[in-house]
Protein backbone atom coordinates (compact mmCIF):
# COMPACT_ATOMS: atom_id res chain seq x y z
CA MET A 1 -0.04 -0.07 0.11
CA ILE A 2 2.77 2.42 0.75
CA LEU A 3 4.70 1.90 -2.33
CA PRO A 4 1.94 2.64 -4.70
CA THR A 5 1.43 6.05 -2.62
CA VAL A 6 5.25 6.68 -2.76
CA LEU A 7 5.58 6.28 -6.45
CA ALA A 8 2.37 8.56 -7.02
CA CYS A 9 4.14 11.17 -4.97
CA VAL A 10 7.43 10.73 -6.82
CA SER A 11 5.71 10.78 -10.06
CA VAL A 12 3.66 14.16 -9.17
CA CYS A 13 7.08 15.48 -7.98
CA LEU A 14 8.61 14.72 -11.41
CA CYS A 15 6.08 15.82 -13.33
CA ARG A 16 5.92 18.98 -11.79
CA ALA A 17 9.99 19.59 -11.77
CA ALA A 18 9.62 18.63 -15.53
CA ALA A 19 7.12 21.39 -16.14
CA ILE A 20 9.12 23.93 -14.23
CA THR A 21 12.23 22.94 -16.46
CA ALA A 22 10.09 23.25 -19.73
CA ARG A 23 8.79 26.69 -18.61
CA ALA A 24 12.04 27.74 -17.87
CA VAL A 25 13.76 26.62 -21.17
CA SER A 26 10.67 28.12 -22.86
CA MET A 27 11.10 31.28 -21.21
CA ARG A 28 15.20 31.22 -21.84
CA ARG A 29 13.83 30.86 -25.86
CA ARG A 30 11.85 34.05 -25.48
CA GLY A 31 14.94 35.84 -23.80
CA ILE A 32 13.56 35.69 -20.38
CA SER A 33 16.40 34.87 -18.06
CA ASP A 34 14.81 36.04 -14.59
CA MET A 35 12.12 33.31 -13.82
CA ASP A 36 11.62 35.13 -10.13
CA GLY A 37 11.42 38.45 -11.96
CA TYR A 38 8.96 37.21 -14.57
CA ILE A 39 6.60 35.69 -11.90
CA GLN A 40 6.76 38.66 -10.03
CA LYS A 41 5.94 40.59 -12.83
CA ARG A 42 2.85 38.28 -13.67
CA ARG A 43 1.38 38.57 -10.26
CA ARG A 44 1.81 42.60 -10.39
CA LYS A 45 -0.33 42.29 -13.36
CA ARG A 46 -3.03 40.40 -12.15
CA PHE A 47 -2.84 42.49 -8.97
CA LEU A 48 -3.34 45.67 -11.23
CA ALA A 49 -6.07 43.93 -13.22
CA ALA A 50 -8.34 43.10 -9.83
CA LEU A 51 -7.93 46.68 -9.27
CA GLU A 52 -9.67 47.64 -12.75
CA PRO A 53 -13.25 47.69 -12.01
CA GLY A 54 -15.14 50.84 -11.26
CA TYR A 55 -16.60 49.44 -8.14
CA ILE A 56 -12.87 48.92 -6.43
CA GLN A 57 -11.99 52.38 -4.93
CA GLY A 58 -8.66 51.53 -3.65
CA PHE A 59 -6.66 49.32 -1.79
CA THR A 60 -5.21 49.36 1.89
CA LEU A 61 -1.84 48.29 3.16
CA LEU A 62 -2.37 46.44 6.61
CA GLY A 63 -0.49 45.29 9.45
CA GLY A 64 2.76 47.32 9.62
CA GLU A 65 4.45 44.71 8.05
CA PRO A 66 4.20 46.65 4.59
CA PHE A 67 6.60 49.41 6.28
CA GLU A 68 9.05 47.05 7.29
CA PRO A 69 12.40 48.10 5.79
CA GLU A 70 12.90 44.78 3.94
CA ASN A 71 9.47 45.06 2.29
CA GLN A 72 9.50 48.87 1.18
CA VAL A 73 11.46 48.41 -1.84
CA GLU A 74 9.10 46.11 -3.30
CA LEU A 75 6.30 47.80 -2.37
CA VAL A 76 7.25 51.21 -3.54
CA HIS A 77 7.26 50.22 -6.92
CA LEU A 78 4.17 48.46 -6.69
CA LEU A 79 2.47 51.60 -5.33
CA GLN A 80 4.27 53.41 -7.99
CA LYS A 81 2.64 51.39 -10.52
CA VAL A 82 -1.10 51.69 -9.08
CA ARG A 83 -0.64 55.24 -8.84
CA GLU A 84 0.31 55.70 -12.74
CA THR A 85 -2.21 52.97 -13.72
CA TYR A 86 -5.30 54.28 -11.46
CA PRO A 87 -4.59 57.70 -10.48
CA GLU A 88 -8.11 57.89 -9.06
CA LYS A 89 -7.83 54.90 -6.61
CA ARG A 90 -7.26 55.69 -3.11
CA ILE A 91 -4.34 53.96 -1.59
CA SER A 92 -4.50 53.60 2.46
CA GLY A 93 -2.32 52.18 4.95
CA ALA A 94 -2.32 51.31 8.61
CA THR A 95 0.52 51.18 10.89
CA ALA A 96 0.94 48.85 13.97
CA ALA A 97 2.75 48.03 17.13
CA ILE A 98 5.78 47.48 14.78
CA CYS A 99 5.90 50.98 13.69
CA GLY A 100 4.21 54.23 13.92
CA ILE A 101 4.48 57.79 11.93
CA ARG A 102 7.15 58.46 13.84
CA ASP A 103 9.28 55.39 13.12
CA LEU A 104 8.39 56.47 9.27
CA ALA A 105 9.70 59.79 9.39
CA ALA A 106 13.09 60.78 8.36
CA GLY A 107 15.54 59.40 11.36
CA GLY A 108 13.24 57.17 12.41
CA VAL A 109 13.81 53.25 12.73
CA VAL A 110 12.25 52.04 9.77
CA HIS A 111 12.88 54.94 7.62
CA THR A 112 14.97 53.82 4.23
CA GLU A 113 16.02 55.73 1.02
CA VAL A 114 12.53 54.70 -0.47
CA THR A 115 10.33 55.41 2.47
CA ASP A 116 9.12 59.27 1.61
CA GLU A 117 8.32 57.95 -1.96
CA MET A 118 6.17 55.17 -0.63
CA LEU A 119 4.61 57.55 1.74
CA SER A 120 3.99 60.01 -1.31
CA TYR A 121 1.86 57.30 -2.73
CA VAL A 122 -0.08 56.92 0.22
CA ASP A 123 -3.48 58.90 0.34
CA VAL A 124 -4.49 58.20 4.34
CA LEU A 125 -2.56 56.39 6.87
CA VAL A 126 -4.09 55.18 9.90
CA ASP A 127 -1.63 55.59 12.42
CA GLY A 128 -1.58 53.59 15.86
CA GLU A 129 -1.66 50.13 17.51
CA PHE A 130 -5.03 48.52 18.06
CA VAL A 131 -5.96 48.79 21.84
CA GLU A 132 -8.70 46.47 22.66
CA ALA A 133 -9.56 48.56 25.65
CA GLU A 134 -10.36 51.62 23.24
CA LYS A 135 -12.23 49.80 20.85
CA ASP A 136 -15.04 51.42 19.17
CA LEU A 137 -16.94 49.90 16.21
CA THR A 138 -18.41 53.27 15.39
CA LEU A 139 -15.37 54.94 14.37
CA GLN A 140 -14.52 55.07 10.52
CA PHE A 141 -11.21 53.29 9.31
CA ARG A 142 -9.94 52.32 12.44
CA GLY A 143 -10.72 50.16 15.35
CA SER A 144 -9.69 51.83 18.36
CA ARG A 145 -10.05 55.44 19.66
CA ASN A 146 -6.19 56.00 19.99
CA GLN A 147 -5.46 55.49 16.28
CA ARG A 148 -5.11 58.55 14.34
CA ILE A 149 -6.14 59.42 10.63
CA LEU A 150 -3.56 61.23 8.91
CA GLU A 151 -4.14 62.69 5.28
CA LEU A 152 -1.09 62.21 3.63
CA LYS A 153 -2.08 63.47 0.36
CA ARG A 154 -3.46 66.43 1.96
CA ILE A 155 -0.22 66.94 3.96
CA GLY A 156 2.21 66.37 0.92
CA LYS A 157 0.40 68.88 -1.45
CA GLU A 158 0.32 71.83 1.44
CA ASN A 159 3.62 70.89 2.92
CA ASN A 160 6.89 69.03 2.31
CA LYS A 161 8.11 65.87 3.63
CA ASN A 162 9.20 66.98 6.87
CA GLU A 163 5.58 67.82 7.90
CA ILE A 164 4.97 63.79 8.09
CA LYS A 165 6.99 64.10 11.27
CA ALA A 166 5.13 67.23 12.44
CA ALA A 167 1.92 65.38 11.93
CA ALA A 168 3.10 62.45 14.39
CA ASP A 169 3.27 65.04 17.12
CA ARG A 170 -0.10 66.42 16.52
CA LYS A 171 -2.45 65.45 18.98
CA LYS A 172 -5.61 66.08 16.87
CA THR A 173 -7.71 63.02 15.52
CA PHE A 174 -9.19 63.79 12.36
């Protein structure tokens, strides 16, 4: 009983390996040498196509992880492409316990050479960790009263990128 199962698993693995190898050979023939880059490009195209319908108003970067330094470089390219393709779509983001607007500002712990550009594509940023004790389901775009809504698009148009740091120091909640 075990032998047919093992043979079936080996057969499936060999078929997958053969398909991957055949795809790689086909790509090389077409002049595509970077398989990972090719796959990323296809995923990006599918993502952009998913944003196309008129009823999709935009998308949101959630969880704080998008703002981790190792993720910013890839995401800034995606945000740029979204902004170029769909300038009317709203791009929102949310920080978390991992980082806040102070950490994203120049000199912050997660600020990189692409952070300012990344934030320039974000229209609205919900800043602050979700706190269960402050939970309020009547609030728009946020889950707890301690979180703030920063309209980065408005801030970016009226002031320079240093205003983002000043926004972090404001006590006013929108």
